[in-house]
All heavy atoms as atom14 arrays in JSON, in Angstrom:
{
  "sequence": "SPSAEGVFRHLLNEAGLADVVGIDSAGTHNFHVGEAPDARAIAAARK",
  "atom14_mask": [
    [1, 1, 1, 1, 1, 1, 0, 0, 0, 0, 0, 0, 0, 0],
    [1, 1, 1, 1, 1, 1, 1, 0, 0, 0, 0, 0, 0, 0],
    [1, 1, 1, 1, 1, 1, 0, 0, 0, 0, 0, 0, 0, 0],
    [1, 1, 1, 1, 1, 0, 0, 0, 0, 0, 0, 0, 0, 0],
    [1, 1, 1, 1, 1, 1, 1, 1, 1, 0, 0, 0, 0, 0],
    [1, 1, 1, 1, 0, 0, 0, 0, 0, 0, 0, 0, 0, 0],
    [1, 1, 1, 1, 1, 1, 1, 0, 0, 0, 0, 0, 0, 0],
    [1, 1, 1, 1, 1, 1, 1, 1, 1, 1, 1, 0, 0, 0],
    [1, 1, 1, 1, 1, 1, 1, 1, 1, 1, 1, 0, 0, 0],
    [1, 1, 1, 1, 1, 1, 1, 1, 1, 1, 0, 0, 0, 0],
    [1, 1, 1, 1, 1, 1, 1, 1, 0, 0, 0, 0, 0, 0],
    [1, 1, 1, 1, 1, 1, 1, 1, 0, 0, 0, 0, 0, 0],
    [1, 1, 1, 1, 1, 1, 1, 1, 0, 0, 0, 0, 0, 0],
    [1, 1, 1, 1, 1, 1, 1, 1, 1, 0, 0, 0, 0, 0],
    [1, 1, 1, 1, 1, 0, 0, 0, 0, 0, 0, 0, 0, 0],
    [1, 1, 1, 1, 0, 0, 0, 0, 0, 0, 0, 0, 0, 0],
    [1, 1, 1, 1, 1, 1, 1, 1, 0, 0, 0, 0, 0, 0],
    [1, 1, 1, 1, 1, 0, 0, 0, 0, 0, 0, 0, 0, 0],
    [1, 1, 1, 1, 1, 1, 1, 1, 0, 0, 0, 0, 0, 0],
    [1, 1, 1, 1, 1, 1, 1, 0, 0, 0, 0, 0, 0, 0],
    [1, 1, 1, 1, 1, 1, 1, 0, 0, 0, 0, 0, 0, 0],
    [1, 1, 1, 1, 0, 0, 0, 0, 0, 0, 0, 0, 0, 0],
    [1, 1, 1, 1, 1, 1, 1, 1, 0, 0, 0, 0, 0, 0],
    [1, 1, 1, 1, 1, 1, 1, 1, 0, 0, 0, 0, 0, 0],
    [1, 1, 1, 1, 1, 1, 0, 0, 0, 0, 0, 0, 0, 0],
    [1, 1, 1, 1, 1, 0, 0, 0, 0, 0, 0, 0, 0, 0],
    [1, 1, 1, 1, 0, 0, 0, 0, 0, 0, 0, 0, 0, 0],
    [1, 1, 1, 1, 1, 1, 1, 0, 0, 0, 0, 0, 0, 0],
    [1, 1, 1, 1, 1, 1, 1, 1, 1, 1, 0, 0, 0, 0],
    [1, 1, 1, 1, 1, 1, 1, 1, 0, 0, 0, 0, 0, 0],
    [1, 1, 1, 1, 1, 1, 1, 1, 1, 1, 1, 0, 0, 0],
    [1, 1, 1, 1, 1, 1, 1, 1, 1, 1, 0, 0, 0, 0],
    [1, 1, 1, 1, 1, 1, 1, 0, 0, 0, 0, 0, 0, 0],
    [1, 1, 1, 1, 0, 0, 0, 0, 0, 0, 0, 0, 0, 0],
    [1, 1, 1, 1, 1, 1, 1, 1, 1, 0, 0, 0, 0, 0],
    [1, 1, 1, 1, 1, 0, 0, 0, 0, 0, 0, 0, 0, 0],
    [1, 1, 1, 1, 1, 1, 1, 0, 0, 0, 0, 0, 0, 0],
    [1, 1, 1, 1, 1, 1, 1, 1, 0, 0, 0, 0, 0, 0],
    [1, 1, 1, 1, 1, 0, 0, 0, 0, 0, 0, 0, 0, 0],
    [1, 1, 1, 1, 1, 1, 1, 1, 1, 1, 1, 0, 0, 0],
    [1, 1, 1, 1, 1, 0, 0, 0, 0, 0, 0, 0, 0, 0],
    [1, 1, 1, 1, 1, 1, 1, 1, 0, 0, 0, 0, 0, 0],
    [1, 1, 1, 1, 1, 0, 0, 0, 0, 0, 0, 0, 0, 0],
    [1, 1, 1, 1, 1, 0, 0, 0, 0, 0, 0, 0, 0, 0],
    [1, 1, 1, 1, 1, 0, 0, 0, 0, 0, 0, 0, 0, 0],
    [1, 1, 1, 1, 1, 1, 1, 1, 1, 1, 1, 0, 0, 0],
    [1, 1, 1, 1, 1, 1, 1, 1, 1, 0, 0, 0, 0, 0]
  ],
  "atom14_positions": [
    [[4.58, -5.52, -25.7], [3.18, -5.91, -25.49], [2.95, -6.63, -24.16], [1.96, -6.34, -23.48], [2.62, -6.7, -26.68], [3.38, -7.84, -26.98], [0.0, 0.0, 0.0], [0.0, 0.0, 0.0], [0.0, 0.0, 0.0], [0.0, 0.0, 0.0], [0.0, 0.0, 0.0], [0.0, 0.0, 0.0], [0.0, 0.0, 0.0], [0.0, 0.0, 0.0]],
    [[3.85, -7.53, -23.69], [3.61, -8.08, -22.36], [3.78, -7.03, -21.27], [3.1, -7.09, -20.24], [4.64, -9.21, -22.23], [5.6, -9.04, -23.33], [4.96, -8.2, -24.38], [0.0, 0.0, 0.0], [0.0, 0.0, 0.0], [0.0, 0.0, 0.0], [0.0, 0.0, 0.0], [0.0, 0.0, 0.0], [0.0, 0.0, 0.0], [0.0, 0.0, 0.0]],
    [[4.64, -6.04, -21.51], [4.78, -4.94, -20.54], [3.49, -4.13, -20.47], [3.01, -3.79, -19.39], [5.96, -4.03, -20.92], [7.18, -4.74, -20.83], [0.0, 0.0, 0.0], [0.0, 0.0, 0.0], [0.0, 0.0, 0.0], [0.0, 0.0, 0.0], [0.0, 0.0, 0.0], [0.0, 0.0, 0.0], [0.0, 0.0, 0.0], [0.0, 0.0, 0.0]],
    [[2.9, -3.85, -21.63], [1.63, -3.12, -21.67], [0.55, -3.92, -20.95], [-0.24, -3.37, -20.17], [1.21, -2.84, -23.11], [0.0, 0.0, 0.0], [0.0, 0.0, 0.0], [0.0, 0.0, 0.0], [0.0, 0.0, 0.0], [0.0, 0.0, 0.0], [0.0, 0.0, 0.0], [0.0, 0.0, 0.0], [0.0, 0.0, 0.0], [0.0, 0.0, 0.0]],
    [[0.53, -5.22, -21.2], [-0.46, -6.09, -20.55], [-0.29, -6.04, -19.03], [-1.27, -5.94, -18.29], [-0.3, -7.52, -21.06], [-1.29, -8.48, -20.47], [-1.08, -9.93, -20.92], [-0.26, -10.18, -21.82], [-1.77, -10.79, -20.34], [0.0, 0.0, 0.0], [0.0, 0.0, 0.0], [0.0, 0.0, 0.0], [0.0, 0.0, 0.0], [0.0, 0.0, 0.0]],
    [[0.95, -6.09, -18.55], [1.22, -6.05, -17.11], [0.83, -4.73, -16.48], [0.22, -4.7, -15.41], [0.0, 0.0, 0.0], [0.0, 0.0, 0.0], [0.0, 0.0, 0.0], [0.0, 0.0, 0.0], [0.0, 0.0, 0.0], [0.0, 0.0, 0.0], [0.0, 0.0, 0.0], [0.0, 0.0, 0.0], [0.0, 0.0, 0.0], [0.0, 0.0, 0.0]],
    [[1.19, -3.63, -17.13], [0.81, -2.3, -16.62], [-0.7, -2.16, -16.59], [-1.28, -1.72, -15.58], [1.44, -1.17, -17.48], [0.87, 0.19, -17.13], [2.96, -1.16, -17.34], [0.0, 0.0, 0.0], [0.0, 0.0, 0.0], [0.0, 0.0, 0.0], [0.0, 0.0, 0.0], [0.0, 0.0, 0.0], [0.0, 0.0, 0.0], [0.0, 0.0, 0.0]],
    [[-1.35, -2.56, -17.67], [-2.8, -2.4, -17.75], [-3.52, -3.31, -16.76], [-4.5, -2.9, -16.13], [-3.28, -2.65, -19.18], [-4.66, -2.12, -19.44], [-4.96, -0.78, -19.26], [-5.67, -2.96, -19.86], [-6.23, -0.27, -19.49], [-6.96, -2.47, -20.1], [-7.23, -1.13, -19.9], [0.0, 0.0, 0.0], [0.0, 0.0, 0.0], [0.0, 0.0, 0.0]],
    [[-3.04, -4.52, -16.57], [-3.64, -5.44, -15.6], [-3.58, -4.83, -14.19], [-4.54, -4.87, -13.43], [-2.93, -6.8, -15.62], [-3.52, -7.79, -14.61], [-2.92, -9.17, -14.72], [-3.62, -9.98, -15.65], [-3.44, -10.21, -16.95], [-2.64, -9.79, -17.46], [-4.08, -10.91, -17.78], [0.0, 0.0, 0.0], [0.0, 0.0, 0.0], [0.0, 0.0, 0.0]],
    [[-2.43, -4.24, -13.87], [-2.25, -3.57, -12.57], [-3.28, -2.44, -12.41], [-3.92, -2.32, -11.36], [-0.82, -3.04, -12.48], [-0.5, -2.35, -11.2], [-0.1, -3.02, -10.07], [-0.54, -1.04, -10.86], [0.1, -2.16, -9.1], [-0.15, -0.95, -9.55], [0.0, 0.0, 0.0], [0.0, 0.0, 0.0], [0.0, 0.0, 0.0], [0.0, 0.0, 0.0]],
    [[-3.43, -1.61, -13.44], [-4.38, -0.5, -13.39], [-5.82, -1.0, -13.27], [-6.62, -0.42, -12.53], [-4.24, 0.39, -14.63], [-2.94, 1.18, -14.75], [-2.9, 1.92, -16.09], [-2.76, 2.14, -13.59], [0.0, 0.0, 0.0], [0.0, 0.0, 0.0], [0.0, 0.0, 0.0], [0.0, 0.0, 0.0], [0.0, 0.0, 0.0], [0.0, 0.0, 0.0]],
    [[-6.15, -2.06, -13.99], [-7.5, -2.63, -13.91], [-7.8, -3.15, -12.5], [-8.9, -2.93, -11.98], [-7.67, -3.77, -14.91], [-7.75, -3.39, -16.38], [-7.74, -4.65, -17.24], [-8.97, -2.54, -16.67], [0.0, 0.0, 0.0], [0.0, 0.0, 0.0], [0.0, 0.0, 0.0], [0.0, 0.0, 0.0], [0.0, 0.0, 0.0], [0.0, 0.0, 0.0]],
    [[-6.82, -3.81, -11.9], [-7.01, -4.31, -10.53], [-7.22, -3.16, -9.56], [-8.11, -3.21, -8.71], [-5.82, -5.18, -10.1], [-5.83, -6.53, -10.79], [-6.87, -7.06, -11.16], [-4.65, -7.1, -10.96], [0.0, 0.0, 0.0], [0.0, 0.0, 0.0], [0.0, 0.0, 0.0], [0.0, 0.0, 0.0], [0.0, 0.0, 0.0], [0.0, 0.0, 0.0]],
    [[-6.4, -2.1, -9.7], [-6.55, -0.93, -8.83], [-7.92, -0.27, -9.0], [-8.49, 0.23, -8.04], [-5.46, 0.1, -9.13], [-4.12, -0.22, -8.56], [-3.11, 0.89, -8.79], [-3.32, 1.75, -9.68], [-2.1, 0.9, -8.07], [0.0, 0.0, 0.0], [0.0, 0.0, 0.0], [0.0, 0.0, 0.0], [0.0, 0.0, 0.0], [0.0, 0.0, 0.0]],
    [[-8.43, -0.26, -10.23], [-9.69, 0.41, -10.54], [-10.91, -0.48, -10.28], [-12.05, -0.04, -10.44], [-9.69, 0.87, -12.0], [0.0, 0.0, 0.0], [0.0, 0.0, 0.0], [0.0, 0.0, 0.0], [0.0, 0.0, 0.0], [0.0, 0.0, 0.0], [0.0, 0.0, 0.0], [0.0, 0.0, 0.0], [0.0, 0.0, 0.0], [0.0, 0.0, 0.0]],
    [[-10.67, -1.74, -9.92], [-11.77, -2.67, -9.69], [-12.49, -3.08, -10.97], [-13.66, -3.42, -10.95], [0.0, 0.0, 0.0], [0.0, 0.0, 0.0], [0.0, 0.0, 0.0], [0.0, 0.0, 0.0], [0.0, 0.0, 0.0], [0.0, 0.0, 0.0], [0.0, 0.0, 0.0], [0.0, 0.0, 0.0], [0.0, 0.0, 0.0], [0.0, 0.0, 0.0]],
    [[-11.77, -3.07, -12.09], [-12.37, -3.38, -13.39], [-11.86, -4.7, -13.98], [-12.21, -5.04, -15.11], [-12.1, -2.25, -14.39], [-12.78, -0.92, -14.08], [-12.28, 0.16, -15.03], [-14.28, -1.05, -14.17], [0.0, 0.0, 0.0], [0.0, 0.0, 0.0], [0.0, 0.0, 0.0], [0.0, 0.0, 0.0], [0.0, 0.0, 0.0], [0.0, 0.0, 0.0]],
    [[-11.06, -5.44, -13.24], [-10.46, -6.66, -13.78], [-11.5, -7.69, -14.22], [-11.24, -8.48, -15.13], [-9.52, -7.28, -12.75], [0.0, 0.0, 0.0], [0.0, 0.0, 0.0], [0.0, 0.0, 0.0], [0.0, 0.0, 0.0], [0.0, 0.0, 0.0], [0.0, 0.0, 0.0], [0.0, 0.0, 0.0], [0.0, 0.0, 0.0], [0.0, 0.0, 0.0]],
    [[-12.7, -7.66, -13.62], [-13.72, -8.64, -13.99], [-14.57, -8.22, -15.18], [-15.35, -9.02, -15.68], [-14.62, -8.95, -12.79], [-15.29, -7.72, -12.21], [-14.79, -6.6, -12.44], [-16.32, -7.87, -11.55], [0.0, 0.0, 0.0], [0.0, 0.0, 0.0], [0.0, 0.0, 0.0], [0.0, 0.0, 0.0], [0.0, 0.0, 0.0], [0.0, 0.0, 0.0]],
    [[-14.41, -6.99, -15.66], [-15.2, -6.53, -16.81], [-14.35, -6.17, -18.02], [-14.88, -5.76, -19.05], [-16.12, -5.33, -16.45], [-17.15, -5.74, -15.43], [-15.32, -4.13, -15.98], [0.0, 0.0, 0.0], [0.0, 0.0, 0.0], [0.0, 0.0, 0.0], [0.0, 0.0, 0.0], [0.0, 0.0, 0.0], [0.0, 0.0, 0.0], [0.0, 0.0, 0.0]],
    [[-13.03, -6.32, -17.91], [-12.13, -6.04, -19.03], [-11.19, -7.22, -19.21], [-10.46, -7.59, -18.29], [-11.31, -4.75, -18.79], [-10.38, -4.47, -19.97], [-12.23, -3.56, -18.55], [0.0, 0.0, 0.0], [0.0, 0.0, 0.0], [0.0, 0.0, 0.0], [0.0, 0.0, 0.0], [0.0, 0.0, 0.0], [0.0, 0.0, 0.0], [0.0, 0.0, 0.0]],
    [[-11.21, -7.83, -20.4], [-10.3, -8.91, -20.72], [-9.09, -8.36, -21.45], [-9.21, -7.46, -22.28], [0.0, 0.0, 0.0], [0.0, 0.0, 0.0], [0.0, 0.0, 0.0], [0.0, 0.0, 0.0], [0.0, 0.0, 0.0], [0.0, 0.0, 0.0], [0.0, 0.0, 0.0], [0.0, 0.0, 0.0], [0.0, 0.0, 0.0], [0.0, 0.0, 0.0]],
    [[-7.9, -8.88, -21.13], [-6.69, -8.39, -21.79], [-5.77, -9.55, -22.14], [-5.8, -10.61, -21.52], [-5.93, -7.35, -20.94], [-5.48, -7.93, -19.6], [-6.76, -6.11, -20.74], [-4.57, -7.0, -18.82], [0.0, 0.0, 0.0], [0.0, 0.0, 0.0], [0.0, 0.0, 0.0], [0.0, 0.0, 0.0], [0.0, 0.0, 0.0], [0.0, 0.0, 0.0]],
    [[-4.95, -9.3, -23.17], [-3.93, -10.26, -23.58], [-2.92, -9.49, -24.43], [-3.1, -8.3, -24.7], [-4.55, -11.4, -24.39], [-3.65, -12.64, -24.48], [-2.54, -12.64, -23.88], [-4.04, -13.6, -25.16], [0.0, 0.0, 0.0], [0.0, 0.0, 0.0], [0.0, 0.0, 0.0], [0.0, 0.0, 0.0], [0.0, 0.0, 0.0], [0.0, 0.0, 0.0]],
    [[-1.88, -10.18, -24.84], [-0.9, -9.57, -25.74], [-0.49, -10.61, -26.78], [-0.66, -11.81, -26.57], [0.32, -9.07, -24.95], [0.97, -10.14, -24.29], [0.0, 0.0, 0.0], [0.0, 0.0, 0.0], [0.0, 0.0, 0.0], [0.0, 0.0, 0.0], [0.0, 0.0, 0.0], [0.0, 0.0, 0.0], [0.0, 0.0, 0.0], [0.0, 0.0, 0.0]],
    [[0.03, -10.11, -27.89], [0.44, -10.98, -28.99], [1.5, -10.27, -29.83], [1.7, -9.06, -29.68], [-0.77, -11.34, -29.87], [0.0, 0.0, 0.0], [0.0, 0.0, 0.0], [0.0, 0.0, 0.0], [0.0, 0.0, 0.0], [0.0, 0.0, 0.0], [0.0, 0.0, 0.0], [0.0, 0.0, 0.0], [0.0, 0.0, 0.0], [0.0, 0.0, 0.0]],
    [[2.12, -11.02, -30.7], [3.1, -10.46, -31.63], [2.62, -10.61, -33.06], [1.84, -11.52, -33.37], [0.0, 0.0, 0.0], [0.0, 0.0, 0.0], [0.0, 0.0, 0.0], [0.0, 0.0, 0.0], [0.0, 0.0, 0.0], [0.0, 0.0, 0.0], [0.0, 0.0, 0.0], [0.0, 0.0, 0.0], [0.0, 0.0, 0.0], [0.0, 0.0, 0.0]],
    [[3.09, -9.72, -33.92], [2.74, -9.83, -35.33], [3.59, -10.9, -36.02], [3.23, -11.39, -37.08], [2.93, -8.49, -36.07], [4.27, -8.02, -35.86], [1.93, -7.45, -35.59], [0.0, 0.0, 0.0], [0.0, 0.0, 0.0], [0.0, 0.0, 0.0], [0.0, 0.0, 0.0], [0.0, 0.0, 0.0], [0.0, 0.0, 0.0], [0.0, 0.0, 0.0]],
    [[4.73, -11.24, -35.43], [5.65, -12.22, -36.01], [5.79, -13.42, -35.06], [5.5, -13.32, -33.87], [7.01, -11.58, -36.25], [6.99, -10.52, -37.31], [6.41, -9.28, -37.12], [7.45, -10.52, -38.57], [6.53, -8.57, -38.23], [7.16, -9.3, -39.13], [0.0, 0.0, 0.0], [0.0, 0.0, 0.0], [0.0, 0.0, 0.0], [0.0, 0.0, 0.0]],
    [[6.31, -14.51, -35.58], [6.42, -15.74, -34.79], [7.82, -15.98, -34.23], [8.15, -17.08, -33.84], [5.96, -16.94, -35.62], [6.86, -17.21, -36.8], [7.83, -16.5, -37.04], [6.54, -18.24, -37.57], [0.0, 0.0, 0.0], [0.0, 0.0, 0.0], [0.0, 0.0, 0.0], [0.0, 0.0, 0.0], [0.0, 0.0, 0.0], [0.0, 0.0, 0.0]],
    [[8.64, -14.94, -34.16], [10.03, -15.08, -33.75], [10.21, -15.75, -32.38], [11.16, -16.46, -32.16], [10.73, -13.72, -33.67], [10.69, -12.9, -34.92], [10.5, -11.53, -34.85], [10.86, -13.48, -36.17], [10.48, -10.75, -36.0], [10.83, -12.71, -37.33], [10.64, -11.35, -37.23], [0.0, 0.0, 0.0], [0.0, 0.0, 0.0], [0.0, 0.0, 0.0]],
    [[9.31, -15.47, -31.44], [9.53, -15.89, -30.05], [8.38, -16.72, -29.49], [8.25, -16.82, -28.27], [9.75, -14.66, -29.17], [10.94, -13.84, -29.57], [12.24, -14.22, -29.3], [11.02, -12.67, -30.24], [13.07, -13.31, -29.78], [12.36, -12.36, -30.35], [0.0, 0.0, 0.0], [0.0, 0.0, 0.0], [0.0, 0.0, 0.0], [0.0, 0.0, 0.0]],
    [[7.54, -17.28, -30.34], [6.36, -18.03, -29.89], [6.77, -19.07, -28.83], [7.73, -19.82, -29.02], [5.64, -18.71, -31.08], [4.58, -19.69, -30.6], [5.0, -17.65, -31.96], [0.0, 0.0, 0.0], [0.0, 0.0, 0.0], [0.0, 0.0, 0.0], [0.0, 0.0, 0.0], [0.0, 0.0, 0.0], [0.0, 0.0, 0.0], [0.0, 0.0, 0.0]],
    [[6.05, -19.06, -27.72], [6.3, -20.0, -26.63], [7.3, -19.54, -25.6], [7.43, -20.13, -24.53], [0.0, 0.0, 0.0], [0.0, 0.0, 0.0], [0.0, 0.0, 0.0], [0.0, 0.0, 0.0], [0.0, 0.0, 0.0], [0.0, 0.0, 0.0], [0.0, 0.0, 0.0], [0.0, 0.0, 0.0], [0.0, 0.0, 0.0], [0.0, 0.0, 0.0]],
    [[8.03, -18.46, -25.9], [9.04, -17.96, -24.97], [8.42, -17.05, -23.92], [7.4, -16.4, -24.16], [10.11, -17.15, -25.72], [10.95, -17.98, -26.66], [11.99, -17.13, -27.41], [12.36, -16.04, -26.91], [12.42, -17.56, -28.49], [0.0, 0.0, 0.0], [0.0, 0.0, 0.0], [0.0, 0.0, 0.0], [0.0, 0.0, 0.0], [0.0, 0.0, 0.0]],
    [[9.06, -16.99, -22.76], [8.67, -16.05, -21.71], [9.1, -14.64, -22.14], [9.93, -14.48, -23.04], [9.36, -16.43, -20.4], [0.0, 0.0, 0.0], [0.0, 0.0, 0.0], [0.0, 0.0, 0.0], [0.0, 0.0, 0.0], [0.0, 0.0, 0.0], [0.0, 0.0, 0.0], [0.0, 0.0, 0.0], [0.0, 0.0, 0.0], [0.0, 0.0, 0.0]],
    [[8.55, -13.61, -21.5], [8.99, -12.25, -21.81], [10.5, -12.09, -21.58], [11.1, -12.82, -20.78], [8.2, -11.38, -20.84], [6.96, -12.17, -20.58], [7.42, -13.61, -20.57], [0.0, 0.0, 0.0], [0.0, 0.0, 0.0], [0.0, 0.0, 0.0], [0.0, 0.0, 0.0], [0.0, 0.0, 0.0], [0.0, 0.0, 0.0], [0.0, 0.0, 0.0]],
    [[11.09, -11.13, -22.26], [12.5, -10.8, -22.14], [12.84, -10.52, -20.67], [12.1, -9.8, -19.99], [12.79, -9.56, -23.0], [14.26, -9.22, -23.07], [14.83, -8.78, -22.05], [14.84, -9.38, -24.16], [0.0, 0.0, 0.0], [0.0, 0.0, 0.0], [0.0, 0.0, 0.0], [0.0, 0.0, 0.0], [0.0, 0.0, 0.0], [0.0, 0.0, 0.0]],
    [[13.95, -11.08, -20.18], [14.34, -10.92, -18.78], [14.51, -9.45, -18.4], [14.21, -9.04, -17.28], [15.63, -11.69, -18.5], [0.0, 0.0, 0.0], [0.0, 0.0, 0.0], [0.0, 0.0, 0.0], [0.0, 0.0, 0.0], [0.0, 0.0, 0.0], [0.0, 0.0, 0.0], [0.0, 0.0, 0.0], [0.0, 0.0, 0.0], [0.0, 0.0, 0.0]],
    [[14.99, -8.63, -19.35], [15.16, -7.2, -19.06], [13.82, -6.51, -18.89], [13.66, -5.62, -18.05], [15.96, -6.53, -20.18], [17.38, -7.11, -20.31], [18.04, -6.68, -21.6], [17.29, -7.23, -22.75], [17.5, -6.9, -24.01], [18.45, -6.01, -24.31], [16.81, -7.43, -24.98], [0.0, 0.0, 0.0], [0.0, 0.0, 0.0], [0.0, 0.0, 0.0]],
    [[12.82, -6.92, -19.67], [11.47, -6.36, -19.53], [10.87, -6.78, -18.2], [10.23, -5.96, -17.51], [10.58, -6.82, -20.69], [0.0, 0.0, 0.0], [0.0, 0.0, 0.0], [0.0, 0.0, 0.0], [0.0, 0.0, 0.0], [0.0, 0.0, 0.0], [0.0, 0.0, 0.0], [0.0, 0.0, 0.0], [0.0, 0.0, 0.0], [0.0, 0.0, 0.0]],
    [[11.06, -8.03, -17.82], [10.55, -8.53, -16.54], [11.17, -7.73, -15.39], [10.47, -7.29, -14.47], [10.84, -10.04, -16.37], [10.03, -10.85, -17.37], [10.54, -10.49, -14.94], [10.39, -12.33, -17.42], [0.0, 0.0, 0.0], [0.0, 0.0, 0.0], [0.0, 0.0, 0.0], [0.0, 0.0, 0.0], [0.0, 0.0, 0.0], [0.0, 0.0, 0.0]],
    [[12.49, -7.54, -15.44], [13.2, -6.82, -14.37], [12.73, -5.36, -14.28], [12.48, -4.85, -13.17], [14.7, -6.89, -14.61], [0.0, 0.0, 0.0], [0.0, 0.0, 0.0], [0.0, 0.0, 0.0], [0.0, 0.0, 0.0], [0.0, 0.0, 0.0], [0.0, 0.0, 0.0], [0.0, 0.0, 0.0], [0.0, 0.0, 0.0], [0.0, 0.0, 0.0]],
    [[12.61, -4.69, -15.41], [12.17, -3.29, -15.41], [10.75, -3.17, -14.87], [10.44, -2.27, -14.08], [12.25, -2.71, -16.82], [0.0, 0.0, 0.0], [0.0, 0.0, 0.0], [0.0, 0.0, 0.0], [0.0, 0.0, 0.0], [0.0, 0.0, 0.0], [0.0, 0.0, 0.0], [0.0, 0.0, 0.0], [0.0, 0.0, 0.0], [0.0, 0.0, 0.0]],
    [[9.88, -4.09, -15.28], [8.49, -4.06, -14.82], [8.43, -4.33, -13.31], [7.7, -3.65, -12.58], [7.67, -5.09, -15.59], [0.0, 0.0, 0.0], [0.0, 0.0, 0.0], [0.0, 0.0, 0.0], [0.0, 0.0, 0.0], [0.0, 0.0, 0.0], [0.0, 0.0, 0.0], [0.0, 0.0, 0.0], [0.0, 0.0, 0.0], [0.0, 0.0, 0.0]],
    [[9.17, -5.31, -12.86], [9.17, -5.68, -11.44], [9.61, -4.51, -10.56], [9.08, -4.31, -9.46], [10.06, -6.89, -11.24], [9.65, -7.73, -10.06], [10.34, -9.07, -10.02], [9.5, -10.06, -10.7], [9.96, -11.14, -11.27], [11.23, -11.42, -11.28], [9.13, -11.98, -11.85], [0.0, 0.0, 0.0], [0.0, 0.0, 0.0], [0.0, 0.0, 0.0]],
    [[10.59, -3.72, -11.05], [11.06, -2.54, -10.29], [9.92, -1.55, -10.03], [9.95, -0.81, -9.07], [12.17, -1.82, -11.05], [13.53, -2.41, -10.89], [14.56, -1.56, -11.6], [15.91, -2.22, -11.61], [16.89, -1.49, -12.4], [0.0, 0.0, 0.0], [0.0, 0.0, 0.0], [0.0, 0.0, 0.0], [0.0, 0.0, 0.0], [0.0, 0.0, 0.0]]
  ]
}
């Protein structure tokens, strides 16, 4: 979900729609509440 949020945020910025579309991500479970995204997800997204 944070990967989807990052990809979509990038697309919204490119399309000039960032000011008319609000986005966020969440989990159905509380396993990782308060934690940053997985380092592997961050690295793959950054690439």
